[in-house]
Each structure stands twice: as C-alpha cells, then as structure tokens.
Protein backbone atom coordinates (compact mmCIF):
# COMPACT_ATOMS: atom_id res chain seq x y z
CA UNK A 1 -14.27 65.79 -1.40
CA UNK A 2 -17.29 63.50 -1.39
CA UNK A 3 -15.70 61.37 -4.11
CA UNK A 4 -12.57 60.83 -1.99
CA UNK A 5 -14.63 59.73 1.02
CA UNK A 6 -16.59 57.25 -1.09
CA UNK A 7 -13.38 55.82 -2.56
CA UNK A 8 -11.86 55.46 0.90
CA UNK A 9 -14.98 53.73 2.23
CA UNK A 10 -14.85 51.13 -0.56
CA UNK A 11 -11.39 50.04 0.61
CA UNK A 12 -12.44 49.38 4.22
CA UNK A 13 -13.09 45.70 4.91
CA UNK A 14 -15.54 44.49 7.49
CA UNK A 15 -14.43 42.20 10.29
CA UNK A 16 -16.38 39.33 8.72
CA UNK A 17 -14.11 39.51 5.69
CA UNK A 18 -11.07 38.93 7.87
CA UNK A 19 -12.81 36.24 9.92
CA UNK A 20 -13.82 34.39 6.76
CA UNK A 21 -10.36 34.42 5.20
CA UNK A 22 -8.70 33.64 8.53
CA UNK A 23 -10.97 30.62 9.01
CA UNK A 24 -10.36 29.51 5.42
CA UNK A 25 -6.59 29.76 5.91
CA UNK A 26 -6.70 27.79 9.17
CA UNK A 27 -8.88 25.07 7.64
CA UNK A 28 -6.58 24.67 4.60
CA UNK A 29 -3.54 24.48 6.90
CA UNK A 30 -5.25 21.88 9.12
CA UNK A 31 -6.19 19.83 6.05
CA UNK A 32 -2.60 19.86 4.86
CA UNK A 33 -1.42 18.60 8.25
CA UNK A 34 -4.05 15.83 8.18
CA UNK A 35 -3.12 14.68 4.67
CA UNK A 36 0.59 14.86 5.48
CA UNK A 37 0.23 12.71 8.59
CA UNK A 38 -1.83 10.15 6.65
CA UNK A 39 0.77 10.06 3.90
CA UNK A 40 3.53 9.50 6.46
CA UNK A 41 1.60 6.61 8.02
CA UNK A 42 0.94 5.05 4.61
CA UNK A 43 4.62 5.38 3.70
CA UNK A 44 5.70 3.60 6.88
CA UNK A 45 3.33 0.69 6.30
CA UNK A 46 4.40 0.45 2.64
CA UNK A 47 8.06 0.32 3.72
CA UNK A 48 7.24 -2.46 6.21
CA UNK A 49 5.58 -4.48 3.45
CA UNK A 50 8.43 -3.93 1.00
CA UNK A 51 11.03 -4.94 3.61
CA UNK A 52 9.21 -8.25 4.08
CA UNK A 53 9.04 -9.12 0.37
CA UNK A 54 11.97 -10.86 -1.29
CA UNK A 55 11.99 -10.69 -5.08
CA UNK A 56 14.06 -13.13 -7.09
CA UNK A 57 14.76 -12.04 -10.64
CA UNK A 58 15.18 -14.85 -13.15
CA UNK A 59 16.54 -14.00 -16.58
CA UNK A 60 14.10 -14.81 -19.38
CA UNK A 61 14.79 -17.87 -21.50
CA UNK A 62 13.49 -19.12 -24.81
CA UNK A 63 10.69 -21.72 -24.42
CA UNK A 64 12.53 -24.22 -26.63
CA UNK A 65 15.64 -24.22 -24.44
CA UNK A 66 16.25 -26.95 -21.89
CA UNK A 67 16.01 -25.53 -18.36
CA UNK A 68 19.32 -25.66 -16.49
CA UNK A 69 19.52 -28.34 -13.81
CA UNK A 70 22.32 -27.91 -11.29
CA UNK A 71 22.02 -31.44 -9.92
CA UNK A 72 21.97 -33.25 -13.29
CA UNK A 73 24.52 -33.76 -16.00
CA UNK A 74 23.32 -32.02 -19.22
CA UNK A 75 24.00 -35.10 -21.33
CA UNK A 76 22.09 -37.36 -18.97
CA UNK A 77 19.18 -34.87 -18.88
CA UNK A 78 18.82 -35.02 -22.66
CA UNK A 79 18.80 -38.84 -22.60
CA UNK A 80 16.01 -39.03 -19.99
C-alpha cells in the first residue's frame, strides 16, 4: 500500500509547475503575435516600394551589334 501512495504522490504537480508552463505558453503566444504584426507591417511597406518601381526589361544583345535607333535609317547610321 505504501508503494501505491508513493507512486501517486510522484504524479501530483505543484501549482508552480502549472504557473511556469502557463506563463511560458502565454509568452510564446505573445511573441508570435508581435512577430506576425511586424511581418505584416514590413510586407505592406515592401508592397508600397514595389508598386512605385517600374522595371523595363531590355533583351540582351551582342556587343558587336549596332544598337537599334528608331529615329535613324540603318544605312545612314552605318555611314556616320
């Protein structure tokens, strides 16, 4: 009978155990909220920056090629 009582007593947790793990859970949850709100703010500012930038893609050309000139005649450009 004494063995059963000792085994039962080992399974009983003190209130500090529950306070510790409760505080740890609350602090992790609060940290997640803080990081999430910061990420959301960073994402909004990044989207504002990307909406303001205009990127023009130019196809690559060989360095020995004559660059195209819309306002000049190709034959005249070669003779310049």
